[in-house]
Structure formats: structure tokens, C-alpha cells
């Protein structure tokens, strides 16, 4: 990901039959420029129906790649 501002990225995952909530989110600090983000999905979530990435306030971001890996 490339961010135009330093700040905090909030990443949400959405379990089946639920909406996005703070319960299933993580705040990740990022610096201006290109950064790699890593997020572990809790084991109790065998499936997710969506991912939402909120960039730092007023930042322009470019998501270069998103990889989901499972066992």
C-alpha cells in the first residue's frame, strides 16, 4: 500500500451474517510512502464475507496487492 500521509489504517473483516464492527478490526500505524501491512484473522473466523480498509484521515492511498492466505 502507498499512503500520502502518516497515520493509522483501520482494517475491518466482516464475518458471515454480521456487519463491520470494531470487534473484528485492527488499527495499524503507517508512515507516508510505501508500506506493507500484515493482519492475522482470528482462528474463530473460518470464513469472512468482506474486508474494509479505512486509510489515514485525508490520505490518498493506493492498494497495490491484497493476498489472503489460509491453511
PDB file of N, CA and C in Angstrom:
ATOM      1  N   UNK A   1       0.844  -1.157   0.000  1.00  0.00           N
ATOM      2  CA  UNK A   1       0.000   0.000   0.000  1.00  0.00           C
ATOM      3  C   UNK A   1       0.901   1.235   0.000  1.00  0.00           C
ATOM      4  N   UNK A   2       0.459   2.271  -0.681  1.00  0.00           N
ATOM      5  CA  UNK A   2       1.186   3.526  -0.681  1.00  0.00           C
ATOM      6  C   UNK A   2       0.256   4.602  -0.120  1.00  0.00           C
ATOM      7  N   UNK A   3       0.707   5.307   0.913  1.00  0.00           N
ATOM      8  CA  UNK A   3      -0.107   6.322   1.572  1.00  0.00           C
ATOM      9  C   UNK A   3       0.526   7.698   1.406  1.00  0.00           C
ATOM     10  N   UNK A   4      -0.318   8.696   1.171  1.00  0.00           N
ATOM     11  CA  UNK A   4       0.181  10.065   1.030  1.00  0.00           C
ATOM     12  C   UNK A   4       0.404  10.738   2.383  1.00  0.00           C
ATOM     13  N   UNK A   5      -0.076  10.118   3.476  1.00  0.00           N
ATOM     14  CA  UNK A   5       0.050  10.713   4.810  1.00  0.00           C
ATOM     15  C   UNK A   5       0.433   9.646   5.829  1.00  0.00           C
ATOM     16  N   UNK A   6       1.120  10.070   6.869  1.00  0.00           N
ATOM     17  CA  UNK A   6       1.348   9.228   8.040  1.00  0.00           C
ATOM     18  C   UNK A   6       0.057   9.206   8.846  1.00  0.00           C
ATOM     19  N   UNK A   7      -0.239   8.096   9.448  1.00  0.00           N
ATOM     20  CA  UNK A   7      -1.463   7.992  10.258  1.00  0.00           C
ATOM     21  C   UNK A   7      -1.762   6.566  10.619  1.00  0.00           C
ATOM     22  N   UNK A   8      -3.034   6.280  10.734  1.00  0.00           N
ATOM     23  CA  UNK A   8      -3.471   4.962  11.163  1.00  0.00           C
ATOM     24  C   UNK A   8      -4.447   4.395  10.142  1.00  0.00           C
ATOM     25  N   UNK A   9      -4.203   3.170   9.723  1.00  0.00           N
ATOM     26  CA  UNK A   9      -5.112   2.450   8.841  1.00  0.00           C
ATOM     27  C   UNK A   9      -5.971   1.549   9.728  1.00  0.00           C
ATOM     28  N   UNK A  10      -7.270   1.581   9.509  1.00  0.00           N
ATOM     29  CA  UNK A  10      -8.180   0.699  10.253  1.00  0.00           C
ATOM     30  C   UNK A  10      -8.641  -0.366   9.269  1.00  0.00           C
ATOM     31  N   UNK A  11      -8.413  -1.629   9.619  1.00  0.00           N
ATOM     32  CA  UNK A  11      -8.795  -2.753   8.765  1.00  0.00           C
ATOM     33  C   UNK A  11      -9.891  -3.539   9.473  1.00  0.00           C
ATOM     34  N   UNK A  12     -10.991  -3.748   8.756  1.00  0.00           N
ATOM     35  CA  UNK A  12     -12.130  -4.492   9.291  1.00  0.00           C
ATOM     36  C   UNK A  12     -12.336  -5.755   8.465  1.00  0.00           C
ATOM     37  N   UNK A  13     -12.690  -6.842   9.131  1.00  0.00           N
ATOM     38  CA  UNK A  13     -13.156  -8.036   8.432  1.00  0.00           C
ATOM     39  C   UNK A  13     -14.608  -8.259   8.839  1.00  0.00           C
ATOM     40  N   UNK A  14     -15.411  -8.760   7.897  1.00  0.00           N
ATOM     41  CA  UNK A  14     -16.826  -8.961   8.152  1.00  0.00           C
ATOM     42  C   UNK A  14     -17.158 -10.452   8.149  1.00  0.00           C
ATOM     43  N   UNK A  15     -17.521 -10.997   9.311  1.00  0.00           N
ATOM     44  CA  UNK A  15     -17.939 -12.391   9.372  1.00  0.00           C
ATOM     45  C   UNK A  15     -19.297 -12.578   8.689  1.00  0.00           C
ATOM     46  N   UNK A  16     -19.641 -13.799   8.334  1.00  0.00           N
ATOM     47  CA  UNK A  16     -20.955 -14.064   7.747  1.00  0.00           C
ATOM     48  C   UNK A  16     -22.074 -13.601   8.684  1.00  0.00           C
ATOM     49  N   UNK A  17     -23.115 -13.045   8.111  1.00  0.00           N
ATOM     50  CA  UNK A  17     -24.317 -12.617   8.836  1.00  0.00           C
ATOM     51  C   UNK A  17     -24.053 -11.524   9.863  1.00  0.00           C
ATOM     52  N   UNK A  18     -22.991 -10.771   9.717  1.00  0.00           N
ATOM     53  CA  UNK A  18     -22.684  -9.639  10.592  1.00  0.00           C
ATOM     54  C   UNK A  18     -22.256  -8.464   9.717  1.00  0.00           C
ATOM     55  N   UNK A  19     -22.222  -7.294  10.308  1.00  0.00           N
ATOM     56  CA  UNK A  19     -21.696  -6.129   9.614  1.00  0.00           C
ATOM     57  C   UNK A  19     -20.276  -5.864  10.088  1.00  0.00           C
ATOM     58  N   UNK A  20     -19.684  -4.800   9.568  1.00  0.00           N
ATOM     59  CA  UNK A  20     -18.365  -4.405  10.037  1.00  0.00           C
ATOM     60  C   UNK A  20     -18.493  -3.843  11.449  1.00  0.00           C
ATOM     61  N   UNK A  21     -17.581  -4.207  12.331  1.00  0.00           N
ATOM     62  CA  UNK A  21     -17.607  -3.679  13.699  1.00  0.00           C
ATOM     63  C   UNK A  21     -16.188  -3.594  14.250  1.00  0.00           C
ATOM     64  N   UNK A  22     -16.053  -2.802  15.300  1.00  0.00           N
ATOM     65  CA  UNK A  22     -14.752  -2.653  15.965  1.00  0.00           C
ATOM     66  C   UNK A  22     -14.255  -3.993  16.515  1.00  0.00           C
ATOM     67  N   UNK A  23     -15.188  -4.879  16.836  1.00  0.00           N
ATOM     68  CA  UNK A  23     -14.812  -6.192  17.390  1.00  0.00           C
ATOM     69  C   UNK A  23     -13.874  -6.937  16.443  1.00  0.00           C
ATOM     70  N   UNK A  24     -14.130  -6.818  15.151  1.00  0.00           N
ATOM     71  CA  UNK A  24     -13.333  -7.525  14.151  1.00  0.00           C
ATOM     72  C   UNK A  24     -12.498  -6.532  13.348  1.00  0.00           C
ATOM     73  N   UNK A  25     -11.753  -5.694  14.055  1.00  0.00           N
ATOM     74  CA  UNK A  25     -10.929  -4.704  13.358  1.00  0.00           C
ATOM     75  C   UNK A  25      -9.564  -4.591  14.022  1.00  0.00           C
ATOM     76  N   UNK A  26      -8.668  -3.951  13.299  1.00  0.00           N
ATOM     77  CA  UNK A  26      -7.323  -3.689  13.828  1.00  0.00           C
ATOM     78  C   UNK A  26      -6.868  -2.332  13.318  1.00  0.00           C
ATOM     79  N   UNK A  27      -6.205  -1.575  14.171  1.00  0.00           N
ATOM     80  CA  UNK A  27      -5.624  -0.294  13.803  1.00  0.00           C
ATOM     81  C   UNK A  27      -4.124  -0.497  13.601  1.00  0.00           C
ATOM     82  N   UNK A  28      -3.638  -0.075  12.455  1.00  0.00           N
ATOM     83  CA  UNK A  28      -2.238  -0.294  12.106  1.00  0.00           C
ATOM     84  C   UNK A  28      -1.604   1.053  11.758  1.00  0.00           C
ATOM     85  N   UNK A  29      -0.569   1.470  12.508  1.00  0.00           N
ATOM     86  CA  UNK A  29       0.090   2.735  12.173  1.00  0.00           C
ATOM     87  C   UNK A  29       0.903   2.599  10.882  1.00  0.00           C
ATOM     88  N   UNK A  30       0.837   3.631  10.041  1.00  0.00           N
ATOM     89  CA  UNK A  30       1.593   3.626   8.791  1.00  0.00           C
ATOM     90  C   UNK A  30       2.306   4.963   8.625  1.00  0.00           C
ATOM     91  N   UNK A  31       3.385   4.921   7.893  1.00  0.00           N
ATOM     92  CA  UNK A  31       4.144   6.120   7.552  1.00  0.00           C
ATOM     93  C   UNK A  31       3.795   6.519   6.117  1.00  0.00           C
ATOM     94  N   UNK A  32       4.058   7.763   5.783  1.00  0.00           N
ATOM     95  CA  UNK A  32       3.872   8.208   4.411  1.00  0.00           C
ATOM     96  C   UNK A  32       4.795   7.397   3.510  1.00  0.00           C
ATOM     97  N   UNK A  33       4.315   7.047   2.351  1.00  0.00           N
ATOM     98  CA  UNK A  33       5.110   6.267   1.406  1.00  0.00           C
ATOM     99  C   UNK A  33       4.587   4.851   1.288  1.00  0.00           C
ATOM    100  N   UNK A  34       5.430   3.990   0.787  1.00  0.00           N
ATOM    101  CA  UNK A  34       5.027   2.615   0.546  1.00  0.00           C
ATOM    102  C   UNK A  34       5.241   1.768   1.796  1.00  0.00           C
ATOM    103  N   UNK A  35       4.212   1.021   2.185  1.00  0.00           N
ATOM    104  CA  UNK A  35       4.276   0.172   3.375  1.00  0.00           C
ATOM    105  C   UNK A  35       3.616  -1.170   3.085  1.00  0.00           C
ATOM    106  N   UNK A  36       4.020  -2.180   3.836  1.00  0.00           N
ATOM    107  CA  UNK A  36       3.363  -3.486   3.780  1.00  0.00           C
ATOM    108  C   UNK A  36       2.584  -3.665   5.069  1.00  0.00           C
ATOM    109  N   UNK A  37       1.353  -4.123   4.943  1.00  0.00           N
ATOM    110  CA  UNK A  37       0.510  -4.388   6.103  1.00  0.00           C
ATOM    111  C   UNK A  37       0.276  -5.881   6.209  1.00  0.00           C
ATOM    112  N   UNK A  38       0.329  -6.382   7.432  1.00  0.00           N
ATOM    113  CA  UNK A  38       0.039  -7.786   7.690  1.00  0.00           C
ATOM    114  C   UNK A  38      -1.017  -7.848   8.777  1.00  0.00           C
ATOM    115  N   UNK A  39      -2.000  -8.683   8.591  1.00  0.00           N
ATOM    116  CA  UNK A  39      -3.085  -8.814   9.554  1.00  0.00           C
ATOM    117  C   UNK A  39      -3.447 -10.281   9.685  1.00  0.00           C
ATOM    118  N   UNK A  40      -3.465 -10.772  10.905  1.00  0.00           N
ATOM    119  CA  UNK A  40      -3.878 -12.151  11.166  1.00  0.00           C
ATOM    120  C   UNK A  40      -5.372 -12.169  11.484  1.00  0.00           C
ATOM    121  N   UNK A  41      -6.087 -13.014  10.801  1.00  0.00           N
ATOM    122  CA  UNK A  41      -7.521 -13.173  11.046  1.00  0.00           C
ATOM    123  C   UNK A  41      -7.682 -14.146  12.216  1.00  0.00           C
ATOM    124  N   UNK A  42      -8.512 -13.814  13.197  1.00  0.00           N
ATOM    125  CA  UNK A  42      -8.700 -14.712  14.346  1.00  0.00           C
ATOM    126  C   UNK A  42      -9.152 -16.104  13.911  1.00  0.00           C
ATOM    127  N   UNK A  43      -8.653 -17.120  14.613  1.00  0.00           N
ATOM    128  CA  UNK A  43      -8.966 -18.506  14.279  1.00  0.00           C
ATOM    129  C   UNK A  43     -10.463 -18.799  14.287  1.00  0.00           C
ATOM    130  N   UNK A  44     -11.227 -18.114  15.138  1.00  0.00           N
ATOM    131  CA  UNK A  44     -12.656 -18.404  15.215  1.00  0.00           C
ATOM    132  C   UNK A  44     -13.426 -17.939  13.975  1.00  0.00           C
ATOM    133  N   UNK A  45     -12.780 -17.186  13.102  1.00  0.00           N
ATOM    134  CA  UNK A  45     -13.416 -16.782  11.853  1.00  0.00           C
ATOM    135  C   UNK A  45     -12.986 -17.726  10.739  1.00  0.00           C
ATOM    136  N   UNK A  46     -13.767 -18.774  10.535  1.00  0.00           N
ATOM    137  CA  UNK A  46     -13.452 -19.734   9.488  1.00  0.00           C
ATOM    138  C   UNK A  46     -13.752 -19.158   8.104  1.00  0.00           C
ATOM    139  N   UNK A  47     -14.594 -18.126   8.083  1.00  0.00           N
ATOM    140  CA  UNK A  47     -14.979 -17.502   6.813  1.00  0.00           C
ATOM    141  C   UNK A  47     -15.193 -16.006   7.043  1.00  0.00           C
ATOM    142  N   UNK A  48     -14.838 -15.201   6.058  1.00  0.00           N
ATOM    143  CA  UNK A  48     -15.150 -13.777   6.111  1.00  0.00           C
ATOM    144  C   UNK A  48     -15.870 -13.409   4.811  1.00  0.00           C
ATOM    145  N   UNK A  49     -16.813 -12.480   4.916  1.00  0.00           N
ATOM    146  CA  UNK A  49     -17.589 -12.062   3.754  1.00  0.00           C
ATOM    147  C   UNK A  49     -17.143 -10.720   3.189  1.00  0.00           C
ATOM    148  N   UNK A  50     -16.242 -10.038   3.874  1.00  0.00           N
ATOM    149  CA  UNK A  50     -15.782  -8.761   3.359  1.00  0.00           C
ATOM    150  C   UNK A  50     -14.591  -8.229   4.128  1.00  0.00           C
ATOM    151  N   UNK A  51     -13.869  -7.341   3.484  1.00  0.00           N
ATOM    152  CA  UNK A  51     -12.736  -6.644   4.099  1.00  0.00           C
ATOM    153  C   UNK A  51     -12.905  -5.164   3.779  1.00  0.00           C
ATOM    154  N   UNK A  52     -12.736  -4.331   4.789  1.00  0.00           N
ATOM    155  CA  UNK A  52     -12.801  -2.877   4.599  1.00  0.00           C
ATOM    156  C   UNK A  52     -11.505  -2.270   5.118  1.00  0.00           C
ATOM    157  N   UNK A  53     -10.902  -1.403   4.333  1.00  0.00           N
ATOM    158  CA  UNK A  53      -9.661  -0.740   4.730  1.00  0.00           C
ATOM    159  C   UNK A  53      -9.918   0.764   4.740  1.00  0.00           C
ATOM    160  N   UNK A  54      -9.852   1.368   5.926  1.00  0.00           N
ATOM    161  CA  UNK A  54     -10.022   2.814   6.069  1.00  0.00           C
ATOM    162  C   UNK A  54      -8.639   3.452   6.167  1.00  0.00           C
ATOM    163  N   UNK A  55      -8.286   4.304   5.212  1.00  0.00           N
ATOM    164  CA  UNK A  55      -6.950   4.924   5.213  1.00  0.00           C
ATOM    165  C   UNK A  55      -6.823   6.001   6.285  1.00  0.00           C
ATOM    166  N   UNK A  56      -5.602   6.482   6.512  1.00  0.00           N
ATOM    167  CA  UNK A  56      -5.424   7.609   7.433  1.00  0.00           C
ATOM    168  C   UNK A  56      -6.278   8.794   6.979  1.00  0.00           C
ATOM    169  N   UNK A  57      -6.690   9.613   7.927  1.00  0.00           N
ATOM    170  CA  UNK A  57      -7.542  10.759   7.616  1.00  0.00           C
ATOM    171  C   UNK A  57      -6.914  11.643   6.545  1.00  0.00           C
ATOM    172  N   UNK A  58      -7.703  11.971   5.537  1.00  0.00           N
ATOM    173  CA  UNK A  58      -7.316  12.857   4.433  1.00  0.00           C
ATOM    174  C   UNK A  58      -6.199  12.288   3.556  1.00  0.00           C
ATOM    175  N   UNK A  59      -5.891  11.012   3.702  1.00  0.00           N
ATOM    176  CA  UNK A  59      -4.811  10.419   2.905  1.00  0.00           C
ATOM    177  C   UNK A  59      -5.360   9.842   1.607  1.00  0.00           C
ATOM    178  N   UNK A  60      -4.530   9.893   0.609  1.00  0.00           N
ATOM    179  CA  UNK A  60      -4.802   9.203  -0.639  1.00  0.00           C
ATOM    180  C   UNK A  60      -3.953   7.942  -0.607  1.00  0.00           C
ATOM    181  N   UNK A  61      -4.575   6.800  -0.823  1.00  0.00           N
ATOM    182  CA  UNK A  61      -3.820   5.546  -0.779  1.00  0.00           C
ATOM    183  C   UNK A  61      -3.993   4.781  -2.080  1.00  0.00           C
ATOM    184  N   UNK A  62      -2.997   3.974  -2.349  1.00  0.00           N
ATOM    185  CA  UNK A  62      -3.049   3.087  -3.500  1.00  0.00           C
ATOM    186  C   UNK A  62      -2.750   1.688  -2.982  1.00  0.00           C
ATOM    187  N   UNK A  63      -3.731   0.816  -3.129  1.00  0.00           N
ATOM    188  CA  UNK A  63      -3.562  -0.577  -2.718  1.00  0.00           C
ATOM    189  C   UNK A  63      -2.957  -1.318  -3.895  1.00  0.00           C
ATOM    190  N   UNK A  64      -1.743  -1.811  -3.699  1.00  0.00           N
ATOM    191  CA  UNK A  64      -1.042  -2.475  -4.795  1.00  0.00           C
ATOM    192  C   UNK A  64      -1.391  -3.953  -4.904  1.00  0.00           C
ATOM    193  N   UNK A  65      -1.590  -4.590  -3.754  1.00  0.00           N
ATOM    194  CA  UNK A  65      -1.874  -6.022  -3.775  1.00  0.00           C
ATOM    195  C   UNK A  65      -2.540  -6.412  -2.465  1.00  0.00           C
ATOM    196  N   UNK A  66      -3.474  -7.340  -2.553  1.00  0.00           N
ATOM    197  CA  UNK A  66      -4.121  -7.895  -1.382  1.00  0.00           C
ATOM    198  C   UNK A  66      -4.063  -9.410  -1.527  1.00  0.00           C
ATOM    199  N   UNK A  67      -3.448 -10.070  -0.561  1.00  0.00           N
ATOM    200  CA  UNK A  67      -3.309 -11.519  -0.596  1.00  0.00           C
ATOM    201  C   UNK A  67      -3.970 -12.109   0.641  1.00  0.00           C
ATOM    202  N   UNK A  68      -4.864 -13.057   0.437  1.00  0.00           N
ATOM    203  CA  UNK A  68      -5.480 -13.790   1.539  1.00  0.00           C
ATOM    204  C   UNK A  68      -4.901 -15.192   1.515  1.00  0.00           C
ATOM    205  N   UNK A  69      -4.376 -15.594   2.648  1.00  0.00           N
ATOM    206  CA  UNK A  69      -3.762 -16.920   2.723  1.00  0.00           C
ATOM    207  C   UNK A  69      -4.457 -17.719   3.809  1.00  0.00           C
ATOM    208  N   UNK A  70      -4.671 -18.968   3.542  1.00  0.00           N
ATOM    209  CA  UNK A  70      -5.287 -19.849   4.513  1.00  0.00           C
ATOM    210  C   UNK A  70      -4.489 -21.119   4.680  1.00  0.00           C
ATOM    211  N   UNK A  71      -4.910 -21.892   5.616  1.00  0.00           N
ATOM    212  CA  UNK A  71      -4.199 -23.159   5.865  1.00  0.00           C
ATOM    213  C   UNK A  71      -4.723 -24.233   4.951  1.00  0.00           C
TER     214      UNK A  71
END
